[in-house]
C-alpha atoms as a PDB file:
ATOM      1  CA  UNK A   1      -3.356  36.510 -14.521  1.00  0.00           C
ATOM      2  CA  UNK A   2      -2.963  33.451 -16.808  1.00  0.00           C
ATOM      3  CA  UNK A   3      -1.157  34.209 -20.050  1.00  0.00           C
ATOM      4  CA  UNK A   4       0.574  37.385 -18.857  1.00  0.00           C
ATOM      5  CA  UNK A   5       4.063  36.933 -17.467  1.00  0.00           C
ATOM      6  CA  UNK A   6       6.519  39.706 -16.681  1.00  0.00           C
ATOM      7  CA  UNK A   7       9.541  37.460 -17.031  1.00  0.00           C
ATOM      8  CA  UNK A   8      12.941  38.513 -15.772  1.00  0.00           C
ATOM      9  CA  UNK A   9      15.257  39.840 -18.531  1.00  0.00           C
ATOM     10  CA  UNK A  10      17.806  37.156 -17.630  1.00  0.00           C
ATOM     11  CA  UNK A  11      15.319  34.524 -18.861  1.00  0.00           C
ATOM     12  CA  UNK A  12      15.306  35.820 -22.435  1.00  0.00           C
ATOM     13  CA  UNK A  13      18.170  33.665 -23.784  1.00  0.00           C
ATOM     14  CA  UNK A  14      16.357  30.536 -22.603  1.00  0.00           C
ATOM     15  CA  UNK A  15      13.063  31.724 -24.100  1.00  0.00           C
ATOM     16  CA  UNK A  16      14.815  32.544 -27.383  1.00  0.00           C
ATOM     17  CA  UNK A  17      16.655  29.203 -27.494  1.00  0.00           C
ATOM     18  CA  UNK A  18      13.361  27.383 -27.219  1.00  0.00           C
ATOM     19  CA  UNK A  19      11.500  29.658 -29.631  1.00  0.00           C
ATOM     20  CA  UNK A  20      13.810  29.038 -32.592  1.00  0.00           C
ATOM     21  CA  UNK A  21      13.367  25.251 -32.443  1.00  0.00           C
ATOM     22  CA  UNK A  22      11.108  23.583 -34.984  1.00  0.00           C
ATOM     23  CA  UNK A  23       7.788  22.157 -33.775  1.00  0.00           C
ATOM     24  CA  UNK A  24       8.141  18.643 -32.396  1.00  0.00           C
ATOM     25  CA  UNK A  25       5.570  15.858 -32.350  1.00  0.00           C
ATOM     26  CA  UNK A  26       7.518  12.590 -32.058  1.00  0.00           C
ATOM     27  CA  UNK A  27       9.601  11.529 -29.074  1.00  0.00           C
ATOM     28  CA  UNK A  28      12.760  11.767 -31.147  1.00  0.00           C
ATOM     29  CA  UNK A  29      11.897  15.303 -32.234  1.00  0.00           C
ATOM     30  CA  UNK A  30      11.062  16.386 -28.682  1.00  0.00           C
ATOM     31  CA  UNK A  31      14.370  15.049 -27.437  1.00  0.00           C
ATOM     32  CA  UNK A  32      16.272  16.705 -30.263  1.00  0.00           C
ATOM     33  CA  UNK A  33      14.612  20.061 -29.565  1.00  0.00           C
ATOM     34  CA  UNK A  34      15.431  19.771 -25.864  1.00  0.00           C
ATOM     35  CA  UNK A  35      19.051  18.887 -26.645  1.00  0.00           C
ATOM     36  CA  UNK A  36      19.424  21.791 -29.079  1.00  0.00           C
ATOM     37  CA  UNK A  37      17.895  24.346 -26.717  1.00  0.00           C
ATOM     38  CA  UNK A  38      20.163  23.170 -23.899  1.00  0.00           C
ATOM     39  CA  UNK A  39      23.220  23.370 -26.145  1.00  0.00           C
ATOM     40  CA  UNK A  40      22.325  26.915 -27.226  1.00  0.00           C
ATOM     41  CA  UNK A  41      22.688  28.288 -23.682  1.00  0.00           C
ATOM     42  CA  UNK A  42      25.425  25.947 -22.468  1.00  0.00           C
ATOM     43  CA  UNK A  43      28.500  27.713 -21.060  1.00  0.00           C
ATOM     44  CA  UNK A  44      31.958  26.219 -21.651  1.00  0.00           C
ATOM     45  CA  UNK A  45      33.256  23.764 -19.087  1.00  0.00           C
ATOM     46  CA  UNK A  46      36.081  25.260 -16.992  1.00  0.00           C
ATOM     47  CA  UNK A  47      39.534  23.779 -16.650  1.00  0.00           C
ATOM     48  CA  UNK A  48      40.623  22.070 -13.455  1.00  0.00           C
ATOM     49  CA  UNK A  49      38.044  19.285 -13.559  1.00  0.00           C
ATOM     50  CA  UNK A  50      38.404  15.556 -13.959  1.00  0.00           C
ATOM     51  CA  UNK A  51      35.330  14.327 -15.857  1.00  0.00           C
ATOM     52  CA  UNK A  52      34.600  10.630 -16.384  1.00  0.00           C
ATOM     53  CA  UNK A  53      31.733   8.856 -18.135  1.00  0.00           C
ATOM     54  CA  UNK A  54      31.267   5.414 -16.622  1.00  0.00           C
ATOM     55  CA  UNK A  55      28.565   3.173 -15.140  1.00  0.00           C
ATOM     56  CA  UNK A  56      27.435   2.206 -11.659  1.00  0.00           C
ATOM     57  CA  UNK A  57      25.246  -0.804 -10.850  1.00  0.00           C
ATOM     58  CA  UNK A  58      21.774  -0.456  -9.458  1.00  0.00           C
ATOM     59  CA  UNK A  59      20.518  -2.942  -6.864  1.00  0.00           C
ATOM     60  CA  UNK A  60      19.784  -5.682  -9.406  1.00  0.00           C
ATOM     61  CA  UNK A  61      23.254  -5.287 -10.920  1.00  0.00           C
ATOM     62  CA  UNK A  62      22.129  -3.598 -14.130  1.00  0.00           C
ATOM     63  CA  UNK A  63      24.523  -0.801 -15.157  1.00  0.00           C
ATOM     64  CA  UNK A  64      23.427   2.829 -15.006  1.00  0.00           C
ATOM     65  CA  UNK A  65      25.475   5.373 -16.988  1.00  0.00           C
ATOM     66  CA  UNK A  66      26.821   8.252 -14.916  1.00  0.00           C
ATOM     67  CA  UNK A  67      29.099  11.237 -15.435  1.00  0.00           C
ATOM     68  CA  UNK A  68      31.463  12.018 -12.555  1.00  0.00           C
ATOM     69  CA  UNK A  69      32.914  15.500 -12.024  1.00  0.00           C
ATOM     70  CA  UNK A  70      35.792  15.910  -9.595  1.00  0.00           C
ATOM     71  CA  UNK A  71      37.415  19.323  -9.149  1.00  0.00           C
ATOM     72  CA  UNK A  72      41.142  19.155  -8.665  1.00  0.00           C
ATOM     73  CA  UNK A  73      42.341  19.691  -5.110  1.00  0.00           C
ATOM     74  CA  UNK A  74      39.473  17.969  -3.294  1.00  0.00           C
ATOM     75  CA  UNK A  75      40.350  15.977  -0.167  1.00  0.00           C
ATOM     76  CA  UNK A  76      40.774  12.218  -0.463  1.00  0.00           C
ATOM     77  CA  UNK A  77      37.303  11.699   0.981  1.00  0.00           C
ATOM     78  CA  UNK A  78      35.256  14.505  -0.485  1.00  0.00           C
ATOM     79  CA  UNK A  79      31.572  15.356  -0.172  1.00  0.00           C
ATOM     80  CA  UNK A  80      29.369  14.203  -3.037  1.00  0.00           C
ATOM     81  CA  UNK A  81      26.307  15.557  -4.807  1.00  0.00           C
ATOM     82  CA  UNK A  82      24.300  12.991  -6.749  1.00  0.00           C
ATOM     83  CA  UNK A  83      22.577  15.068  -9.426  1.00  0.00           C
ATOM     84  CA  UNK A  84      19.397  13.884 -11.181  1.00  0.00           C
ATOM     85  CA  UNK A  85      18.564  15.879 -14.315  1.00  0.00           C
ATOM     86  CA  UNK A  86      15.170  17.121 -15.448  1.00  0.00           C
ATOM     87  CA  UNK A  87      13.352  16.702 -18.743  1.00  0.00           C
ATOM     88  CA  UNK A  88       9.813  15.522 -18.049  1.00  0.00           C
ATOM     89  CA  UNK A  89      11.047  11.982 -17.331  1.00  0.00           C
ATOM     90  CA  UNK A  90      11.361  11.492 -21.120  1.00  0.00           C
ATOM     91  CA  UNK A  91      14.296  13.608 -22.243  1.00  0.00           C
ATOM     92  CA  UNK A  92      17.582  15.009 -21.016  1.00  0.00           C
ATOM     93  CA  UNK A  93      20.910  13.512 -19.993  1.00  0.00           C
ATOM     94  CA  UNK A  94      24.146  14.399 -18.212  1.00  0.00           C
ATOM     95  CA  UNK A  95      25.153  16.096 -21.469  1.00  0.00           C
ATOM     96  CA  UNK A  96      22.142  18.423 -21.599  1.00  0.00           C
ATOM     97  CA  UNK A  97      22.710  19.254 -17.926  1.00  0.00           C
ATOM     98  CA  UNK A  98      26.505  19.305 -18.124  1.00  0.00           C
ATOM     99  CA  UNK A  99      26.846  22.863 -16.844  1.00  0.00           C
ATOM    100  CA  UNK A 100      24.723  22.016 -13.809  1.00  0.00           C
ATOM    101  CA  UNK A 101      26.860  18.970 -13.066  1.00  0.00           C
ATOM    102  CA  UNK A 102      30.158  20.783 -13.188  1.00  0.00           C
ATOM    103  CA  UNK A 103      28.638  23.858 -11.552  1.00  0.00           C
ATOM    104  CA  UNK A 104      27.564  21.832  -8.541  1.00  0.00           C
ATOM    105  CA  UNK A 105      30.988  20.204  -8.333  1.00  0.00           C
ATOM    106  CA  UNK A 106      32.895  23.490  -8.532  1.00  0.00           C
ATOM    107  CA  UNK A 107      30.666  25.713  -6.399  1.00  0.00           C
ATOM    108  CA  UNK A 108      29.756  23.100  -3.770  1.00  0.00           C
ATOM    109  CA  UNK A 109      33.394  21.904  -3.678  1.00  0.00           C
ATOM    110  CA  UNK A 110      32.309  18.308  -4.086  1.00  0.00           C
ATOM    111  CA  UNK A 111      32.332  15.328  -6.366  1.00  0.00           C
ATOM    112  CA  UNK A 112      29.208  15.415  -8.525  1.00  0.00           C
ATOM    113  CA  UNK A 113      27.743  12.210  -9.955  1.00  0.00           C
ATOM    114  CA  UNK A 114      25.193  12.961 -12.689  1.00  0.00           C
ATOM    115  CA  UNK A 115      22.806  10.051 -13.299  1.00  0.00           C
ATOM    116  CA  UNK A 116      21.821   9.083 -16.853  1.00  0.00           C
ATOM    117  CA  UNK A 117      18.662   7.217 -15.848  1.00  0.00           C
ATOM    118  CA  UNK A 118      16.417   5.450 -18.342  1.00  0.00           C
ATOM    119  CA  UNK A 119      13.687   7.517 -19.921  1.00  0.00           C
ATOM    120  CA  UNK A 120       9.916   7.281 -20.263  1.00  0.00           C
ATOM    121  CA  UNK A 121       7.739   6.274 -21.999  1.00  0.00           C
ATOM    122  CA  UNK A 122       9.947   3.369 -23.056  1.00  0.00           C
ATOM    123  CA  UNK A 123      10.537   2.858 -19.326  1.00  0.00           C
ATOM    124  CA  UNK A 124       7.833   3.432 -16.723  1.00  0.00           C
ATOM    125  CA  UNK A 125       8.002   3.879 -12.963  1.00  0.00           C
ATOM    126  CA  UNK A 126       9.754   2.310 -11.061  1.00  0.00           C
ATOM    127  CA  UNK A 127      12.562   1.840 -13.604  1.00  0.00           C
ATOM    128  CA  UNK A 128      13.772   5.469 -13.454  1.00  0.00           C
ATOM    129  CA  UNK A 129      13.533   5.496  -9.671  1.00  0.00           C
ATOM    130  CA  UNK A 130      15.414   2.187  -9.433  1.00  0.00           C
ATOM    131  CA  UNK A 131      18.273   3.630 -11.486  1.00  0.00           C
ATOM    132  CA  UNK A 132      18.593   6.699  -9.253  1.00  0.00           C
ATOM    133  CA  UNK A 133      18.202   4.920  -5.923  1.00  0.00           C
ATOM    134  CA  UNK A 134      20.628   2.236  -7.057  1.00  0.00           C
ATOM    135  CA  UNK A 135      23.322   4.770  -7.917  1.00  0.00           C
ATOM    136  CA  UNK A 136      22.976   6.527  -4.550  1.00  0.00           C
ATOM    137  CA  UNK A 137      23.117   3.189  -2.724  1.00  0.00           C
ATOM    138  CA  UNK A 138      26.184   2.124  -4.706  1.00  0.00           C
ATOM    139  CA  UNK A 139      28.014   5.369  -3.937  1.00  0.00           C
ATOM    140  CA  UNK A 140      27.266   5.061  -0.236  1.00  0.00           C
ATOM    141  CA  UNK A 141      28.386   1.413  -0.115  1.00  0.00           C
ATOM    142  CA  UNK A 142      31.582   2.103  -2.072  1.00  0.00           C
ATOM    143  CA  UNK A 143      32.343   5.619  -0.900  1.00  0.00           C
ATOM    144  CA  UNK A 144      35.913   4.977   0.233  1.00  0.00           C
ATOM    145  CA  UNK A 145      37.002   3.476  -3.088  1.00  0.00           C
ATOM    146  CA  UNK A 146      35.313   6.343  -4.927  1.00  0.00           C
ATOM    147  CA  UNK A 147      37.101   9.001  -2.877  1.00  0.00           C
ATOM    148  CA  UNK A 148      33.852  10.076  -1.257  1.00  0.00           C
ATOM    149  CA  UNK A 149      32.895  10.706   2.364  1.00  0.00           C
ATOM    150  CA  UNK A 150      29.870   8.467   3.011  1.00  0.00           C
ATOM    151  CA  UNK A 151      28.595  10.834   5.688  1.00  0.00           C
ATOM    152  CA  UNK A 152      28.419  13.745   3.215  1.00  0.00           C
ATOM    153  CA  UNK A 153      26.298  12.545   0.312  1.00  0.00           C
ATOM    154  CA  UNK A 154      23.556  14.886  -0.926  1.00  0.00           C
ATOM    155  CA  UNK A 155      20.985  14.299  -3.652  1.00  0.00           C
ATOM    156  CA  UNK A 156      19.852  17.144  -5.911  1.00  0.00           C
ATOM    157  CA  UNK A 157      17.511  17.274  -8.874  1.00  0.00           C
ATOM    158  CA  UNK A 158      15.534  19.686 -10.997  1.00  0.00           C
ATOM    159  CA  UNK A 159      11.999  19.236 -12.352  1.00  0.00           C
ATOM    160  CA  UNK A 160      11.485  15.499 -12.975  1.00  0.00           C
ATOM    161  CA  UNK A 161      14.878  15.051 -11.315  1.00  0.00           C
ATOM    162  CA  UNK A 162      13.440  16.814  -8.272  1.00  0.00           C
ATOM    163  CA  UNK A 163      10.681  14.214  -8.165  1.00  0.00           C
ATOM    164  CA  UNK A 164      13.228  11.400  -8.344  1.00  0.00           C
ATOM    165  CA  UNK A 165      15.375  13.115  -5.699  1.00  0.00           C
ATOM    166  CA  UNK A 166      12.463  13.356  -3.268  1.00  0.00           C
ATOM    167  CA  UNK A 167      11.554   9.730  -3.980  1.00  0.00           C
ATOM    168  CA  UNK A 168      15.117   8.529  -3.351  1.00  0.00           C
ATOM    169  CA  UNK A 169      15.176  10.335  -0.019  1.00  0.00           C
ATOM    170  CA  UNK A 170      11.836   8.858   1.028  1.00  0.00           C
ATOM    171  CA  UNK A 171      13.042   5.374   0.104  1.00  0.00           C
ATOM    172  CA  UNK A 172      16.365   5.850   1.914  1.00  0.00           C
ATOM    173  CA  UNK A 173      14.441   6.741   5.068  1.00  0.00           C
ATOM    174  CA  UNK A 174      11.979   3.876   4.681  1.00  0.00           C
ATOM    175  CA  UNK A 175      14.629   1.283   3.878  1.00  0.00           C
ATOM    176  CA  UNK A 176      17.112   2.286   6.544  1.00  0.00           C
ATOM    177  CA  UNK A 177      19.648   3.782   4.163  1.00  0.00           C
ATOM    178  CA  UNK A 178      21.707   4.955   2.535  1.00  0.00           C
ATOM    179  CA  UNK A 179      22.294   7.966   4.733  1.00  0.00           C
ATOM    180  CA  UNK A 180      21.623  11.208   2.863  1.00  0.00           C
ATOM    181  CA  UNK A 181      23.022  14.438   4.272  1.00  0.00           C
ATOM    182  CA  UNK A 182      20.751  16.794   2.323  1.00  0.00           C
ATOM    183  CA  UNK A 183      18.253  16.959  -0.507  1.00  0.00           C
ATOM    184  CA  UNK A 184      17.910  19.793  -3.021  1.00  0.00           C
ATOM    185  CA  UNK A 185      14.647  20.116  -4.942  1.00  0.00           C
ATOM    186  CA  UNK A 186      14.793  22.574  -7.846  1.00  0.00           C
ATOM    187  CA  UNK A 187      11.339  23.457  -9.253  1.00  0.00           C
ATOM    188  CA  UNK A 188      10.308  19.827  -8.651  1.00  0.00           C
ATOM    189  CA  UNK A 189       7.234  18.030  -9.984  1.00  0.00           C
ATOM    190  CA  UNK A 190       5.848  16.008  -7.092  1.00  0.00           C
ATOM    191  CA  UNK A 191       2.255  15.047  -7.872  1.00  0.00           C
ATOM    192  CA  UNK A 192       0.127  14.035 -10.837  1.00  0.00           C
ATOM    193  CA  UNK A 193      -2.796  15.905  -9.249  1.00  0.00           C
ATOM    194  CA  UNK A 194      -2.815  19.118 -11.300  1.00  0.00           C
ATOM    195  CA  UNK A 195      -5.564  20.881  -9.350  1.00  0.00           C
ATOM    196  CA  UNK A 196      -3.309  23.260  -7.359  1.00  0.00           C
ATOM    197  CA  UNK A 197      -3.710  26.980  -8.187  1.00  0.00           C
ATOM    198  CA  UNK A 198      -0.397  27.382 -10.009  1.00  0.00           C
ATOM    199  CA  UNK A 199      -1.460  24.885 -12.667  1.00  0.00           C
ATOM    200  CA  UNK A 200      -4.201  27.376 -13.567  1.00  0.00           C
ATOM    201  CA  UNK A 201      -2.558  30.775 -13.180  1.00  0.00           C
ATOM    202  CA  UNK A 202       0.769  29.532 -14.566  1.00  0.00           C
ATOM    203  CA  UNK A 203      -0.747  27.288 -17.225  1.00  0.00           C
ATOM    204  CA  UNK A 204       1.079  28.745 -20.243  1.00  0.00           C
ATOM    205  CA  UNK A 205       4.253  30.626 -19.279  1.00  0.00           C
ATOM    206  CA  UNK A 206       7.400  30.421 -21.406  1.00  0.00           C
ATOM    207  CA  UNK A 207       8.935  27.031 -20.736  1.00  0.00           C
ATOM    208  CA  UNK A 208       6.877  24.337 -19.077  1.00  0.00           C
ATOM    209  CA  UNK A 209       3.089  24.355 -19.473  1.00  0.00           C
ATOM    210  CA  UNK A 210       0.400  22.541 -17.545  1.00  0.00           C
ATOM    211  CA  UNK A 211      -0.579  20.570 -20.653  1.00  0.00           C
ATOM    212  CA  UNK A 212       3.002  19.382 -21.123  1.00  0.00           C
ATOM    213  CA  UNK A 213       3.239  18.319 -17.501  1.00  0.00           C
ATOM    214  CA  UNK A 214       0.089  16.256 -17.832  1.00  0.00           C
ATOM    215  CA  UNK A 215       1.580  14.489 -20.849  1.00  0.00           C
ATOM    216  CA  UNK A 216       4.820  13.759 -18.951  1.00  0.00           C
ATOM    217  CA  UNK A 217       2.922  12.151 -16.082  1.00  0.00           C
ATOM    218  CA  UNK A 218       0.902  10.065 -18.561  1.00  0.00           C
ATOM    219  CA  UNK A 219       4.128   8.775 -20.086  1.00  0.00           C
ATOM    220  CA  UNK A 220       5.865   8.124 -16.771  1.00  0.00           C
ATOM    221  CA  UNK A 221       3.190   6.482 -14.636  1.00  0.00           C
ATOM    222  CA  UNK A 222       1.607   3.087 -15.078  1.00  0.00           C
ATOM    223  CA  UNK A 223      -1.496   4.094 -13.125  1.00  0.00           C
ATOM    224  CA  UNK A 224      -3.128   7.424 -12.319  1.00  0.00           C
ATOM    225  CA  UNK A 225      -3.863   8.888  -9.899  1.00  0.00           C
ATOM    226  CA  UNK A 226      -0.690   7.633  -8.287  1.00  0.00           C
ATOM    227  CA  UNK A 227      -0.676   6.433  -4.706  1.00  0.00           C
ATOM    228  CA  UNK A 228       3.019   5.467  -4.732  1.00  0.00           C
ATOM    229  CA  UNK A 229       5.197   8.044  -2.934  1.00  0.00           C
ATOM    230  CA  UNK A 230       8.248   6.822  -4.843  1.00  0.00           C
ATOM    231  CA  UNK A 231       6.430   7.871  -8.040  1.00  0.00           C
ATOM    232  CA  UNK A 232       4.682  10.994  -6.753  1.00  0.00           C
ATOM    233  CA  UNK A 233       6.326  12.036  -3.463  1.00  0.00           C
ATOM    234  CA  UNK A 234       3.599  14.521  -2.555  1.00  0.00           C
ATOM    235  CA  UNK A 235       1.248  11.611  -1.814  1.00  0.00           C
ATOM    236  CA  UNK A 236       3.519  10.448   1.037  1.00  0.00           C
ATOM    237  CA  UNK A 237       1.582  10.739   4.285  1.00  0.00           C
ATOM    238  CA  UNK A 238       4.691  10.963   6.484  1.00  0.00           C
ATOM    239  CA  UNK A 239       7.458  13.468   5.657  1.00  0.00           C
ATOM    240  CA  UNK A 240       9.280  13.243   8.979  1.00  0.00           C
ATOM    241  CA  UNK A 241      12.888  12.110   9.411  1.00  0.00           C
ATOM    242  CA  UNK A 242      13.929  13.313   5.971  1.00  0.00           C
ATOM    243  CA  UNK A 243      17.259  15.080   5.418  1.00  0.00           C
ATOM    244  CA  UNK A 244      17.621  18.862   5.627  1.00  0.00           C
ATOM    245  CA  UNK A 245      16.081  20.194   2.461  1.00  0.00           C
ATOM    246  CA  UNK A 246      16.561  23.077   0.055  1.00  0.00           C
ATOM    247  CA  UNK A 247      13.600  23.905  -2.192  1.00  0.00           C
ATOM    248  CA  UNK A 248      13.579  26.562  -4.899  1.00  0.00           C
ATOM    249  CA  UNK A 249      10.642  27.331  -7.162  1.00  0.00           C
ATOM    250  CA  UNK A 250      10.177  29.661 -10.116  1.00  0.00           C
ATOM    251  CA  UNK A 251       7.476  32.314  -9.904  1.00  0.00           C
ATOM    252  CA  UNK A 252       6.202  31.635 -13.447  1.00  0.00           C
ATOM    253  CA  UNK A 253       5.970  27.868 -13.381  1.00  0.00           C
ATOM    254  CA  UNK A 254       2.950  25.558 -13.186  1.00  0.00           C
ATOM    255  CA  UNK A 255       4.980  23.522 -10.667  1.00  0.00           C
ATOM    256  CA  UNK A 256       5.218  26.412  -8.200  1.00  0.00           C
ATOM    257  CA  UNK A 257       2.709  24.816  -5.818  1.00  0.00           C
ATOM    258  CA  UNK A 258       4.428  21.436  -5.980  1.00  0.00           C
ATOM    259  CA  UNK A 259       7.614  22.848  -4.489  1.00  0.00           C
ATOM    260  CA  UNK A 260       6.033  25.406  -2.168  1.00  0.00           C
ATOM    261  CA  UNK A 261       3.468  23.012  -0.698  1.00  0.00           C
ATOM    262  CA  UNK A 262       6.037  20.248  -0.189  1.00  0.00           C
ATOM    263  CA  UNK A 263       8.361  22.675   1.598  1.00  0.00           C
ATOM    264  CA  UNK A 264       5.569  23.697   3.970  1.00  0.00           C
ATOM    265  CA  UNK A 265       4.717  20.070   4.711  1.00  0.00           C
ATOM    266  CA  UNK A 266       8.370  19.237   5.366  1.00  0.00           C
ATOM    267  CA  UNK A 267       8.596  22.126   7.837  1.00  0.00           C
ATOM    268  CA  UNK A 268       5.430  20.958   9.583  1.00  0.00           C
ATOM    269  CA  UNK A 269       6.981  17.481   9.870  1.00  0.00           C
ATOM    270  CA  UNK A 270      10.032  18.914  11.645  1.00  0.00           C
ATOM    271  CA  UNK A 271      12.461  18.783   8.714  1.00  0.00           C
ATOM    272  CA  UNK A 272      14.887  21.731   8.442  1.00  0.00           C
ATOM    273  CA  UNK A 273      13.915  23.503   5.226  1.00  0.00           C
ATOM    274  CA  UNK A 274      15.351  26.402   3.256  1.00  0.00           C
ATOM    275  CA  UNK A 275      12.827  27.700   0.723  1.00  0.00           C
ATOM    276  CA  UNK A 276      13.274  30.267  -2.036  1.00  0.00           C
ATOM    277  CA  UNK A 277      11.142  31.472  -4.913  1.00  0.00           C
ATOM    278  CA  UNK A 278      13.028  32.914  -7.888  1.00  0.00           C
ATOM    279  CA  UNK A 279      11.042  36.051  -8.710  1.00  0.00           C
ATOM    280  CA  UNK A 280       9.981  36.387 -12.368  1.00  0.00           C
ATOM    281  CA  UNK A 281      11.979  33.289 -13.310  1.00  0.00           C
ATOM    282  CA  UNK A 282      10.604  30.449 -15.421  1.00  0.00           C
ATOM    283  CA  UNK A 283      10.916  26.681 -15.291  1.00  0.00           C
ATOM    284  CA  UNK A 284      14.384  25.604 -16.383  1.00  0.00           C
ATOM    285  CA  UNK A 285      16.167  28.726 -15.148  1.00  0.00           C
ATOM    286  CA  UNK A 286      19.050  26.635 -13.798  1.00  0.00           C
ATOM    287  CA  UNK A 287      20.442  26.614 -17.337  1.00  0.00           C
ATOM    288  CA  UNK A 288      20.978  30.370 -17.021  1.00  0.00           C
ATOM    289  CA  UNK A 289      22.559  30.255 -13.563  1.00  0.00           C
ATOM    290  CA  UNK A 290      25.467  32.410 -14.797  1.00  0.00           C
ATOM    291  CA  UNK A 291      23.418  34.645 -17.076  1.00  0.00           C
ATOM    292  CA  UNK A 292      23.312  37.603 -14.707  1.00  0.00           C
ATOM    293  CA  UNK A 293      23.312  38.641 -11.053  1.00  0.00           C
ATOM    294  CA  UNK A 294      19.862  37.214 -10.263  1.00  0.00           C
ATOM    295  CA  UNK A 295      20.701  33.787 -11.675  1.00  0.00           C
ATOM    296  CA  UNK A 296      24.085  33.771  -9.963  1.00  0.00           C
ATOM    297  CA  UNK A 297      22.425  34.648  -6.647  1.00  0.00           C
ATOM    298  CA  UNK A 298      20.044  31.705  -6.925  1.00  0.00           C
ATOM    299  CA  UNK A 299      22.823  29.241  -7.672  1.00  0.00           C
ATOM    300  CA  UNK A 300      25.029  30.695  -4.941  1.00  0.00           C
ATOM    301  CA  UNK A 301      22.238  30.242  -2.392  1.00  0.00           C
ATOM    302  CA  UNK A 302      21.782  26.623  -3.465  1.00  0.00           C
ATOM    303  CA  UNK A 303      25.462  25.700  -3.374  1.00  0.00           C
ATOM    304  CA  UNK A 304      25.922  27.673  -0.169  1.00  0.00           C
ATOM    305  CA  UNK A 305      23.322  25.438   1.431  1.00  0.00           C
ATOM    306  CA  UNK A 306      25.250  22.364   0.268  1.00  0.00           C
ATOM    307  CA  UNK A 307      28.576  23.674   1.537  1.00  0.00           C
ATOM    308  CA  UNK A 308      26.968  24.396   4.899  1.00  0.00           C
ATOM    309  CA  UNK A 309      25.602  20.859   5.084  1.00  0.00           C
ATOM    310  CA  UNK A 310      28.992  19.465   4.057  1.00  0.00           C
ATOM    311  CA  UNK A 311      30.855  21.681   6.531  1.00  0.00           C
ATOM    312  CA  UNK A 312      33.131  22.854   3.738  1.00  0.00           C
END
């Protein structure tokens, strides 16, 4: 029933971190609130990691900031996860998603490259997509010098980052590369068509709301409804020949149908798919991946999938 959500107790710190923030109306205020809420639940970074903030060029040569995590003891040519953060296309950074970046590196036993793509509404599609695709292409083309195995590059993203992840994988297939070993879609937004059932029955849970999602699409897209699969991957008519895919949704999330429906279409197109729904979890739960046994189980399933794809 809309408006009534029996959220998992492990979600409470995230709900509380958001609740104490002041109301936000401007872009700067929204970004500050997002940053503060992320910082409030951010666990300390472990030792044994080399972390570097640098840039990588996209296809037109423009630099894209990235944060690279490399656990000590990795082989000379290690697997790599390119991580694309969430934030409604208009907020977030490698800093707000720092624990996800290092968590993927440590638990997947891989180099993780977290992409600091440009943000909407100052930048519209395809600028954000170009940043993300360009970084993946650069890593693949320069894998040896980066200490990365070009045959073991995965792309992972949550929320808006899940949209960009799916778009990068579609483009890599359509353009003949780079080769992507796996894609991970974490409560992704995949269409600006908000008519699916979950946008009604999950319209106002703690965390993301349907109204907020509509605003994010308005800021990100130049035209609506979108017919560009690199902007809204769910409008792609052909989902075949995509990499093995892991999709996880949250039960109390307006985006539930985006992830669930895309997973079913991928399966129908012959793509190997692992699908999970995090029971009683809300959008953004990845921030609480170490907040209790349920959160740890979700993250372990995700990184276990990556290790299996990497053969590590």
